[in-house]
Amino acid sequence: MTHQEFDTLEQLDDRAAGHLLSDSTHANANVSLIQIHDQRSAPGGVVRFKSILAQIENRLHRWPRARQRLQRVPLGIDRPYWVDDDLFDLEHHVRHIALPKPGDWRQFCIQASRLHARALDMDRPLWELYVIEGLDSFLDLPPGSFAVLIKTHLAVLEMSDLSKLTEGLCDPQAKPVSAAPPPSWFADSAPGPLALLQRGVWRSALTPWQLPWVAQRMLPAVRILAGGGVAEVQPMTRFNSVVSPYRVFETRRFAIGEFEQIAASVPGATLEDAVIAVCGGALRRYLIEQGELPANATLNAMTWHPGKPEGSSGKRGPATWRPRSLATDVEDPGEALVAVTSSATKYREVVPLAIRPALMGGQMPGEVSTHCVIRFIPAPERTQYLCGAHMSYTSAILPVRDGMGLAFAVTRYEGLVNISPTACRELVPDPERFAQCLRDSFQDSLARAQQHSQPPARPRGVARGKKK
């Protein structure tokens, strides 16, 4: 293969390579998008699995990575390439399962956590889709609802693109529209091992200032041996421990209007500030119950915001990472929100954690220590339908790593804020209790906001003055 032919291949960039390097035997960079659909809006009130399979097949061309796999360079001297998978099998990636009776929310969370935790096959395109039926005992959902879990790797797409994944699979109207047949697809041949090896040596010779792939793989160990690895996090919590390969997942849904009411109770506070404060209140409650809340010090979160749309194209700018106080040392919800809001400008933005996996959950010189991750994930702005079935819920299961065993996914869809914590199962063995702490924290914040928004009551016997 000539150099010009190689130029048509796409090599992993810094972001994708960082996520790939961060994988270990007990923690991977999988992210799972979860949707729940109500079939009543579909034609005939029923959606068949074969209809979903056909819709996916007809729209694969909208996501080129769906039929591409990683092609590694021999000896690991260079970053892998994206190449077409000439053995692509759609039915290997799309699977159909059902919950056992009674099919309640707890069973679904357990099943979703297990699917999310399994490592992807790195020799195939890095995604799997599960259609999950048997959701017969969900509150606020009619029997017959089904879920879709789309698992992929952060090396494949940015978190900002999760909403595009949904919009590519679904439609903004219940009535399916007839579309043109998808373009024919034929896999291009992948370069051979010798060509890849020659290309890697050639690139190293032409760009010696770039850190070689093999050196990047060794860098985490070198930093730790040199004493420049993960700094001790103060204060330490159970979430700054080594994680196991097992995950737990939960969700609580809240009205956007009520979160806006909480934010309005503190001057300058935003809805995102209110969400961070509620997550901090949940963390405070849970650690108090465990007898582990650090005294006289607040915990902090590393928050991730998708880039804002730039220009008329709608393309988003770079995502931002910023440490934020969780105000876990403050008991009053209003005062906690004040502290969270003031921390918005207290800390500077930091390098995305994905490109320095050895420091995940730790700190670099001059950085603040963090104890969890909060990701604000964009969701479709319009109501979505899969084969006519109304998407009534969407959220995500996030990756967790050594030193950062708790992550919150936050999505906004159809007037609701969905907060979904993901954690290592050994660190949070009772996820339903943690979710209840999240609910209680929200209720306390809302009650405090409503109390302060009401005018003071007039003393008895004092008549209201008449207007002249």
Protein backbone atom coordinates (compact mmCIF):
# COMPACT_ATOMS: atom_id res chain seq x y z
CA MET A 1 0.00 0.00 0.00
CA THR A 2 1.42 3.38 -1.03
CA HIS A 3 1.61 6.50 1.15
CA GLN A 4 -1.19 8.07 -0.92
CA GLU A 5 -3.43 5.09 -0.27
CA PHE A 6 -2.63 5.36 3.43
CA ASP A 7 -3.74 8.99 3.36
CA THR A 8 -7.30 7.80 2.71
CA LEU A 9 -7.25 5.81 5.97
CA GLU A 10 -8.17 7.48 9.22
CA GLN A 11 -5.92 7.04 12.23
CA LEU A 12 -7.01 7.45 15.84
CA ASP A 13 -6.67 11.05 17.07
CA ASP A 14 -5.48 12.13 20.52
CA ARG A 15 -8.92 11.87 22.07
CA ALA A 16 -9.71 8.40 20.73
CA ALA A 17 -6.22 7.11 21.49
CA GLY A 18 -6.45 8.37 25.05
CA HIS A 19 -9.70 6.48 25.67
CA LEU A 20 -8.25 3.33 24.13
CA LEU A 21 -5.15 3.58 26.32
CA SER A 22 -7.26 4.04 29.43
CA ASP A 23 -8.86 0.57 29.11
CA SER A 24 -7.82 -2.07 31.65
CA THR A 25 -8.92 -5.57 32.59
CA HIS A 26 -11.40 -4.20 35.15
CA ALA A 27 -12.38 -0.81 33.71
CA ASN A 28 -13.15 0.16 30.13
CA ALA A 29 -14.30 3.28 28.33
CA ASN A 30 -17.69 1.87 27.37
CA VAL A 31 -20.65 4.24 27.33
CA SER A 32 -24.21 2.92 27.00
CA LEU A 33 -27.11 5.00 25.71
CA ILE A 34 -30.48 3.89 27.12
CA GLN A 35 -33.87 4.60 25.58
CA ILE A 36 -37.32 3.40 26.67
CA HIS A 37 -40.10 3.31 24.08
CA ASP A 38 -43.89 3.15 24.36
CA GLN A 39 -45.38 1.04 21.55
CA ARG A 40 -48.88 2.53 21.74
CA SER A 41 -47.98 5.27 19.25
CA ALA A 42 -46.64 2.79 16.68
CA PRO A 43 -48.80 1.64 13.73
CA GLY A 44 -50.95 -1.19 15.08
CA GLY A 45 -49.59 -0.58 18.60
CA VAL A 46 -46.79 -3.13 18.11
CA VAL A 47 -43.14 -2.87 17.03
CA ARG A 48 -41.50 -6.10 15.86
CA PHE A 49 -37.82 -6.83 16.36
CA LYS A 50 -37.40 -7.42 12.63
CA SER A 51 -38.70 -3.87 12.01
CA ILE A 52 -36.06 -2.43 14.34
CA LEU A 53 -33.38 -4.58 12.69
CA ALA A 54 -34.44 -3.35 9.24
CA GLN A 55 -34.42 0.29 10.39
CA ILE A 56 -30.89 -0.09 11.76
CA GLU A 57 -29.70 -1.73 8.54
CA ASN A 58 -31.20 1.05 6.42
CA ARG A 59 -29.44 3.73 8.46
CA LEU A 60 -25.98 2.27 8.99
CA HIS A 61 -24.59 4.61 6.33
CA ARG A 62 -25.33 7.56 8.65
CA TRP A 63 -22.69 6.29 11.08
CA PRO A 64 -19.56 5.18 9.18
CA ARG A 65 -17.91 3.77 12.32
CA ALA A 66 -20.72 1.17 12.53
CA ARG A 67 -18.92 -0.98 9.95
CA GLN A 68 -15.33 -0.13 10.83
CA ARG A 69 -12.95 -1.90 13.21
CA LEU A 70 -9.54 -1.14 14.65
CA GLN A 71 -6.49 -2.26 12.67
CA ARG A 72 -3.50 -2.36 15.01
CA VAL A 73 0.10 -1.74 13.94
CA PRO A 74 2.54 -4.62 14.60
CA LEU A 75 4.68 -4.22 17.70
CA GLY A 76 2.45 -1.33 18.76
CA ILE A 77 4.80 1.26 17.29
CA ASP A 78 1.99 3.48 16.01
CA ARG A 79 -1.65 4.25 16.66
CA PRO A 80 -4.30 1.94 15.18
CA TYR A 81 -6.28 2.79 12.06
CA TRP A 82 -10.00 2.61 11.29
CA VAL A 83 -10.63 0.08 8.50
CA ASP A 84 -13.73 -1.49 7.01
CA ASP A 85 -14.78 -4.80 8.57
CA ASP A 86 -15.05 -7.20 5.61
CA LEU A 87 -16.76 -9.76 7.89
CA PHE A 88 -19.36 -7.33 9.23
CA ASP A 89 -22.45 -9.13 10.56
CA LEU A 90 -25.32 -6.91 11.66
CA GLU A 91 -27.01 -9.63 13.71
CA HIS A 92 -23.85 -10.07 15.77
CA HIS A 93 -24.20 -6.45 16.90
CA VAL A 94 -27.99 -6.24 17.30
CA ARG A 95 -29.49 -8.61 19.88
CA HIS A 96 -32.94 -9.30 21.31
CA ILE A 97 -33.47 -10.22 24.98
CA ALA A 98 -36.27 -10.04 27.58
CA LEU A 99 -36.42 -9.53 31.33
CA PRO A 100 -37.80 -12.38 33.44
CA LYS A 101 -41.04 -11.81 35.31
CA PRO A 102 -42.08 -9.49 36.87
CA GLY A 103 -39.94 -7.20 34.71
CA ASP A 104 -39.50 -4.30 37.12
CA TRP A 105 -37.10 -1.36 37.18
CA ARG A 106 -34.63 -3.02 39.53
CA GLN A 107 -34.27 -6.01 37.21
CA PHE A 108 -33.76 -3.70 34.28
CA CYS A 109 -30.99 -1.75 36.06
CA ILE A 110 -29.18 -4.98 36.94
CA GLN A 111 -29.41 -6.28 33.37
CA ALA A 112 -28.33 -2.97 31.86
CA SER A 113 -25.35 -2.76 34.24
CA ARG A 114 -24.19 -6.25 33.27
CA LEU A 115 -24.44 -5.51 29.56
CA HIS A 116 -22.57 -2.24 30.01
CA ALA A 117 -19.73 -3.78 32.03
CA ARG A 118 -18.83 -6.44 29.46
CA ALA A 119 -15.86 -5.51 27.30
CA LEU A 120 -16.48 -5.02 23.60
CA ASP A 121 -14.84 -7.29 21.03
CA MET A 122 -11.90 -5.16 19.89
CA ASP A 123 -11.59 -7.14 16.64
CA ARG A 124 -15.06 -6.04 15.47
CA PRO A 125 -16.79 -2.65 15.14
CA LEU A 126 -17.02 -1.23 18.65
CA TRP A 127 -20.76 -1.21 19.29
CA GLU A 128 -23.63 -3.43 20.35
CA LEU A 129 -27.38 -2.76 20.44
CA TYR A 130 -29.83 -4.64 22.67
CA VAL A 131 -33.61 -4.56 22.32
CA ILE A 132 -34.93 -5.44 25.80
CA GLU A 133 -38.54 -6.52 26.24
CA GLY A 134 -40.51 -7.61 29.29
CA LEU A 135 -40.70 -4.19 30.96
CA ASP A 136 -44.11 -5.02 32.40
CA SER A 137 -43.88 -3.58 35.91
CA PHE A 138 -42.46 -0.11 35.34
CA LEU A 139 -44.12 2.83 37.04
CA ASP A 140 -45.50 5.44 34.63
CA LEU A 141 -45.03 3.09 31.68
CA PRO A 142 -47.67 0.89 30.05
CA PRO A 143 -47.08 -2.87 29.73
CA GLY A 144 -45.39 -3.75 26.47
CA SER A 145 -42.83 -0.96 26.59
CA PHE A 146 -39.35 -1.92 25.47
CA ALA A 147 -35.86 -0.54 25.97
CA VAL A 148 -32.96 -0.04 23.60
CA LEU A 149 -29.41 -0.11 24.97
CA ILE A 150 -26.69 1.04 22.58
CA LYS A 151 -23.20 0.31 23.88
CA THR A 152 -20.13 1.77 22.23
CA HIS A 153 -16.63 2.91 23.14
CA LEU A 154 -15.54 6.49 23.74
CA ALA A 155 -12.79 5.94 21.17
CA VAL A 156 -15.55 5.70 18.55
CA LEU A 157 -17.53 8.86 19.29
CA GLU A 158 -17.56 11.85 21.58
CA MET A 159 -20.15 12.11 24.32
CA SER A 160 -21.55 15.15 22.51
CA ASP A 161 -22.57 12.88 19.63
CA LEU A 162 -24.87 10.62 21.65
CA SER A 163 -27.86 12.73 20.68
CA LYS A 164 -26.88 12.39 17.01
CA LEU A 165 -26.85 8.62 17.49
CA THR A 166 -30.44 8.79 18.74
CA GLU A 167 -31.57 11.13 15.98
CA GLY A 168 -29.94 8.91 13.36
CA LEU A 169 -31.83 5.86 14.57
CA CYS A 170 -35.17 7.50 15.41
CA ASP A 171 -37.56 9.94 13.72
CA PRO A 172 -39.20 13.16 14.98
CA GLN A 173 -42.67 11.87 14.05
CA ALA A 174 -44.63 8.74 14.91
CA LYS A 175 -45.62 7.88 11.34
CA PRO A 176 -42.65 6.22 9.64
CA VAL A 177 -41.58 7.98 6.47
CA SER A 178 -40.53 6.16 3.34
CA ALA A 179 -36.87 6.72 2.63
CA ALA A 180 -34.66 6.00 -0.34
CA PRO A 181 -32.80 2.68 -0.25
CA PRO A 182 -29.44 2.97 1.51
CA PRO A 183 -26.36 3.21 -0.71
CA SER A 184 -24.55 -0.02 -1.51
CA TRP A 185 -21.62 -0.78 0.74
CA PHE A 186 -18.53 -2.79 -0.06
CA ALA A 187 -15.64 -3.11 2.38
CA ASP A 188 -12.34 -1.63 1.28
CA SER A 189 -9.37 -3.92 1.78
CA ALA A 190 -7.32 -3.30 4.92
CA PRO A 191 -3.55 -2.80 4.78
CA GLY A 192 -1.38 -5.77 5.63
CA PRO A 193 0.87 -6.06 8.70
CA LEU A 194 4.07 -5.32 6.76
CA ALA A 195 2.63 -2.17 5.20
CA LEU A 196 1.45 -0.98 8.62
CA LEU A 197 4.87 -1.63 10.14
CA GLN A 198 6.63 0.27 7.35
CA ARG A 199 4.17 3.13 7.71
CA GLY A 200 4.76 3.31 11.47
CA VAL A 201 8.55 3.47 11.03
CA TRP A 202 8.15 6.09 8.30
CA ARG A 203 5.89 8.26 10.46
CA SER A 204 8.30 8.05 13.42
CA ALA A 205 11.14 9.20 11.19
CA LEU A 206 9.21 12.16 9.77
CA THR A 207 7.59 13.28 13.03
CA PRO A 208 10.12 12.51 15.79
CA TRP A 209 8.71 15.31 17.96
CA GLN A 210 5.47 13.39 18.39
CA LEU A 211 5.34 10.96 21.26
CA PRO A 212 5.24 7.46 19.72
CA TRP A 213 2.28 5.23 20.47
CA VAL A 214 4.41 2.73 22.39
CA ALA A 215 5.81 5.52 24.59
CA GLN A 216 2.29 6.76 25.30
CA ARG A 217 1.36 3.26 26.44
CA MET A 218 4.32 3.26 28.83
CA LEU A 219 3.86 6.83 30.09
CA PRO A 220 1.45 6.06 32.98
CA ALA A 221 3.87 3.56 34.52
CA VAL A 222 6.85 5.87 33.96
CA ARG A 223 5.07 8.73 35.76
CA ILE A 224 4.19 6.58 38.72
CA LEU A 225 7.71 5.14 39.02
CA ALA A 226 9.13 8.65 38.81
CA GLY A 227 6.89 9.85 41.60
CA GLY A 228 4.73 11.94 39.27
CA GLY A 229 1.69 9.69 39.28
CA VAL A 230 -1.60 10.04 41.10
CA ALA A 231 -1.33 12.41 44.01
CA GLU A 232 -3.05 11.39 47.21
CA VAL A 233 -6.57 12.76 47.17
CA GLN A 234 -7.55 14.68 50.28
CA PRO A 235 -10.07 14.01 51.61
CA MET A 236 -10.31 10.39 50.53
CA THR A 237 -13.66 8.67 50.03
CA ARG A 238 -14.74 5.18 49.00
CA PHE A 239 -15.11 6.51 45.44
CA ASN A 240 -11.36 7.14 45.16
CA SER A 241 -10.60 3.44 45.37
CA VAL A 242 -9.65 0.80 42.82
CA VAL A 243 -12.80 -0.35 41.03
CA SER A 244 -13.95 -3.87 40.25
CA PRO A 245 -15.18 -5.03 36.80
CA TYR A 246 -18.83 -4.84 37.98
CA ARG A 247 -21.18 -1.86 37.70
CA VAL A 248 -24.45 -0.55 39.13
CA PHE A 249 -26.79 1.95 37.51
CA GLU A 250 -29.85 3.89 38.65
CA THR A 251 -31.97 6.84 37.52
CA ARG A 252 -34.23 9.44 39.02
CA ARG A 253 -36.34 11.85 36.95
CA PHE A 254 -37.24 15.41 37.93
CA ALA A 255 -39.26 18.22 36.37
CA ILE A 256 -37.15 20.88 34.69
CA GLY A 257 -39.47 23.57 36.06
CA GLU A 258 -38.77 22.50 39.63
CA PHE A 259 -35.02 22.54 39.03
CA GLU A 260 -35.39 26.03 37.58
CA GLN A 261 -37.26 27.00 40.73
CA ILE A 262 -34.34 25.74 42.83
CA ALA A 263 -31.86 27.70 40.71
CA ALA A 264 -33.97 30.87 40.94
CA SER A 265 -33.69 30.84 44.73
CA VAL A 266 -30.01 31.84 44.52
CA PRO A 267 -28.93 34.88 42.45
CA GLY A 268 -26.72 33.86 39.55
CA ALA A 269 -27.37 30.13 39.89
CA THR A 270 -28.11 28.10 36.75
CA LEU A 271 -30.01 24.87 36.29
CA GLU A 272 -26.65 23.07 36.01
CA ASP A 273 -25.59 24.57 39.35
CA ALA A 274 -28.80 23.26 40.92
CA VAL A 275 -28.13 19.77 39.52
CA ILE A 276 -24.59 19.76 40.89
CA ALA A 277 -25.85 20.88 44.31
CA VAL A 278 -28.49 18.12 44.38
CA CYS A 279 -25.86 15.52 43.44
CA GLY A 280 -23.63 16.88 46.21
CA GLY A 281 -26.51 16.65 48.68
CA ALA A 282 -27.06 13.01 47.70
CA LEU A 283 -23.37 12.27 48.19
CA ARG A 284 -23.45 13.95 51.61
CA ARG A 285 -26.51 11.93 52.71
CA TYR A 286 -25.09 8.62 51.51
CA LEU A 287 -21.69 9.10 53.15
CA ILE A 288 -23.31 10.22 56.43
CA GLU A 289 -25.29 6.97 56.47
CA GLN A 290 -22.05 5.06 55.92
CA GLY A 291 -20.27 7.09 58.62
CA GLU A 292 -17.72 8.24 56.03
CA LEU A 293 -18.43 11.92 55.35
CA PRO A 294 -15.12 13.85 55.60
CA ALA A 295 -15.30 16.54 58.26
CA ASN A 296 -14.57 20.21 57.57
CA ALA A 297 -13.84 19.69 53.87
CA THR A 298 -15.99 19.60 50.76
CA LEU A 299 -15.89 16.97 48.05
CA ASN A 300 -15.52 18.06 44.45
CA ALA A 301 -16.76 16.84 41.09
CA MET A 302 -15.16 16.99 37.68
CA THR A 303 -17.92 18.35 35.44
CA TRP A 304 -18.11 17.86 31.70
CA HIS A 305 -20.09 20.12 29.40
CA PRO A 306 -20.54 19.54 25.66
CA GLY A 307 -19.23 22.31 23.47
CA LYS A 308 -21.67 25.02 22.45
CA PRO A 309 -22.94 25.13 18.84
CA GLU A 310 -20.74 27.30 16.62
CA GLY A 311 -22.15 29.15 13.63
CA SER A 312 -25.04 28.11 11.43
CA SER A 313 -23.67 24.59 10.86
CA GLY A 314 -24.66 23.57 14.39
CA LYS A 315 -21.28 21.92 14.92
CA ARG A 316 -20.26 22.01 18.55
CA GLY A 317 -17.05 23.46 19.86
CA PRO A 318 -14.69 21.57 22.16
CA ALA A 319 -16.10 20.09 25.35
CA THR A 320 -14.92 21.54 28.65
CA TRP A 321 -13.84 19.93 31.91
CA ARG A 322 -13.94 21.95 35.10
CA PRO A 323 -13.73 21.01 38.81
CA ARG A 324 -16.73 22.13 40.84
CA SER A 325 -17.43 22.10 44.56
CA LEU A 326 -20.19 19.75 45.72
CA ALA A 327 -20.58 21.68 49.02
CA THR A 328 -20.85 18.43 50.99
CA ASP A 329 -19.62 20.27 54.08
CA VAL A 330 -22.77 22.46 54.09
CA GLU A 331 -26.01 21.18 55.60
CA ASP A 332 -28.47 23.84 54.40
CA PRO A 333 -29.47 23.24 50.73
CA GLY A 334 -29.64 26.96 49.96
CA GLU A 335 -26.20 27.66 51.35
CA ALA A 336 -24.88 24.62 49.49
CA LEU A 337 -26.22 26.01 46.21
CA VAL A 338 -24.51 29.33 46.93
CA ALA A 339 -21.19 27.51 47.41
CA VAL A 340 -21.68 25.44 44.25
CA THR A 341 -22.55 28.54 42.20
CA SER A 342 -19.49 30.44 43.42
CA SER A 343 -17.23 27.53 42.43
CA ALA A 344 -18.17 27.98 38.75
CA THR A 345 -15.35 30.51 38.33
CA LYS A 346 -13.12 29.33 41.15
CA TYR A 347 -11.25 26.62 39.25
CA ARG A 348 -9.73 26.71 35.79
CA GLU A 349 -10.57 24.30 32.99
CA VAL A 350 -8.36 21.25 32.83
CA VAL A 351 -7.01 18.87 30.21
CA PRO A 352 -9.59 16.19 29.35
CA LEU A 353 -9.02 13.20 31.58
CA ALA A 354 -9.26 10.75 28.70
CA ILE A 355 -5.80 11.66 27.39
CA ARG A 356 -4.06 11.06 30.70
CA PRO A 357 -5.48 7.76 31.96
CA ALA A 358 -2.91 7.30 34.72
CA LEU A 359 -4.21 10.44 36.40
CA MET A 360 -7.91 9.54 36.22
CA GLY A 361 -9.44 10.56 39.49
CA GLY A 362 -6.23 12.10 40.76
CA GLN A 363 -4.66 15.49 40.31
CA MET A 364 -1.79 17.21 38.58
CA PRO A 365 0.25 19.94 40.25
CA GLY A 366 -1.97 22.93 40.89
CA GLU A 367 -5.21 21.02 40.31
CA VAL A 368 -7.98 20.38 42.79
CA SER A 369 -8.72 16.80 43.83
CA THR A 370 -12.01 15.36 42.58
CA HIS A 371 -14.24 12.54 43.81
CA CYS A 372 -16.79 11.90 41.04
CA VAL A 373 -17.70 12.92 37.50
CA ILE A 374 -20.85 14.78 36.41
CA ARG A 375 -21.50 14.77 32.66
CA PHE A 376 -24.19 16.97 31.12
CA ILE A 377 -25.08 15.00 27.99
CA PRO A 378 -27.08 16.61 25.17
CA ALA A 379 -30.33 14.85 24.29
CA PRO A 380 -32.58 15.42 21.27
CA GLU A 381 -34.57 18.65 21.54
CA ARG A 382 -37.57 17.13 19.77
CA THR A 383 -39.59 14.07 20.75
CA GLN A 384 -38.25 10.94 19.05
CA TYR A 385 -39.91 7.77 17.76
CA LEU A 386 -38.39 4.39 16.89
CA CYS A 387 -40.48 2.63 14.23
CA GLY A 388 -43.37 4.74 15.53
CA ALA A 389 -42.80 3.91 19.23
CA HIS A 390 -42.54 7.05 21.40
CA MET A 391 -39.19 7.46 23.16
CA SER A 392 -40.33 8.39 26.67
CA TYR A 393 -36.94 8.25 28.42
CA THR A 394 -33.27 8.58 27.54
CA SER A 395 -30.13 8.54 29.65
CA ALA A 396 -26.68 6.94 29.73
CA ILE A 397 -24.47 4.56 31.71
CA LEU A 398 -21.00 6.07 32.01
CA PRO A 399 -17.54 4.54 32.45
CA VAL A 400 -15.89 4.62 35.88
CA ARG A 401 -12.22 4.05 36.65
CA ASP A 402 -9.70 3.54 39.40
CA GLY A 403 -9.76 6.61 41.61
CA MET A 404 -13.11 7.76 40.22
CA GLY A 405 -15.69 5.10 40.99
CA LEU A 406 -18.82 7.27 40.64
CA ALA A 407 -20.21 9.16 37.65
CA PHE A 408 -23.49 11.02 37.08
CA ALA A 409 -25.06 11.27 33.61
CA VAL A 410 -27.47 14.21 33.30
CA THR A 411 -29.85 14.54 30.34
CA ARG A 412 -32.78 16.86 29.61
CA TYR A 413 -35.63 15.50 27.52
CA GLU A 414 -39.35 16.26 27.23
CA GLY A 415 -39.44 18.61 30.21
CA LEU A 416 -37.56 16.27 32.55
CA VAL A 417 -34.06 16.15 33.98
CA ASN A 418 -32.77 12.57 34.20
CA ILE A 419 -29.92 12.03 36.67
CA SER A 420 -28.33 8.59 36.35
CA PRO A 421 -25.50 7.57 38.68
CA THR A 422 -23.12 4.79 37.60
CA ALA A 423 -20.74 3.26 40.13
CA CYS A 424 -18.56 0.28 40.92
CA ARG A 425 -20.78 -2.38 42.51
CA GLU A 426 -18.39 -2.92 45.43
CA LEU A 427 -18.33 0.81 46.22
CA VAL A 428 -22.13 1.24 45.99
CA PRO A 429 -23.66 -2.15 46.83
CA ASP A 430 -27.08 -0.55 47.40
CA PRO A 431 -27.73 1.65 44.32
CA GLU A 432 -31.45 1.97 45.09
CA ARG A 433 -30.53 3.55 48.43
CA PHE A 434 -28.13 5.94 46.71
CA ALA A 435 -30.92 6.87 44.28
CA GLN A 436 -33.23 7.55 47.22
CA CYS A 437 -30.59 9.89 48.66
CA LEU A 438 -30.66 11.70 45.32
CA ARG A 439 -34.45 12.02 45.52
CA ASP A 440 -34.33 13.22 49.16
CA SER A 441 -31.66 15.79 48.32
CA PHE A 442 -33.82 17.16 45.51
CA GLN A 443 -36.91 17.35 47.75
CA ASP A 444 -34.99 19.25 50.43
CA SER A 445 -33.64 21.72 47.86
CA LEU A 446 -37.07 22.23 46.33
CA ALA A 447 -38.75 22.72 49.73
CA ARG A 448 -36.14 25.29 50.69
CA ALA A 449 -36.58 27.13 47.37
CA GLN A 450 -40.36 27.19 47.70
CA GLN A 451 -40.14 28.42 51.28
CA HIS A 452 -37.92 31.33 50.34
CA SER A 453 -39.97 32.26 47.28
CA GLN A 454 -43.18 32.77 49.28
CA PRO A 455 -43.91 36.19 50.79
CA PRO A 456 -43.83 36.33 54.59
CA ALA A 457 -47.18 35.75 56.28
CA ARG A 458 -48.91 38.83 57.83
CA PRO A 459 -49.38 38.78 61.61
CA ARG A 460 -52.94 38.16 62.74
CA GLY A 461 -55.04 41.27 63.36
CA VAL A 462 -53.04 43.45 60.96
CA ALA A 463 -55.28 44.67 58.16
CA ARG A 464 -53.91 45.13 54.67
CA GLY A 465 -53.74 48.86 53.82
CA LYS A 466 -56.17 50.19 51.26
CA LYS A 467 -54.82 51.66 48.10
CA LYS A 468 -55.54 55.38 47.75
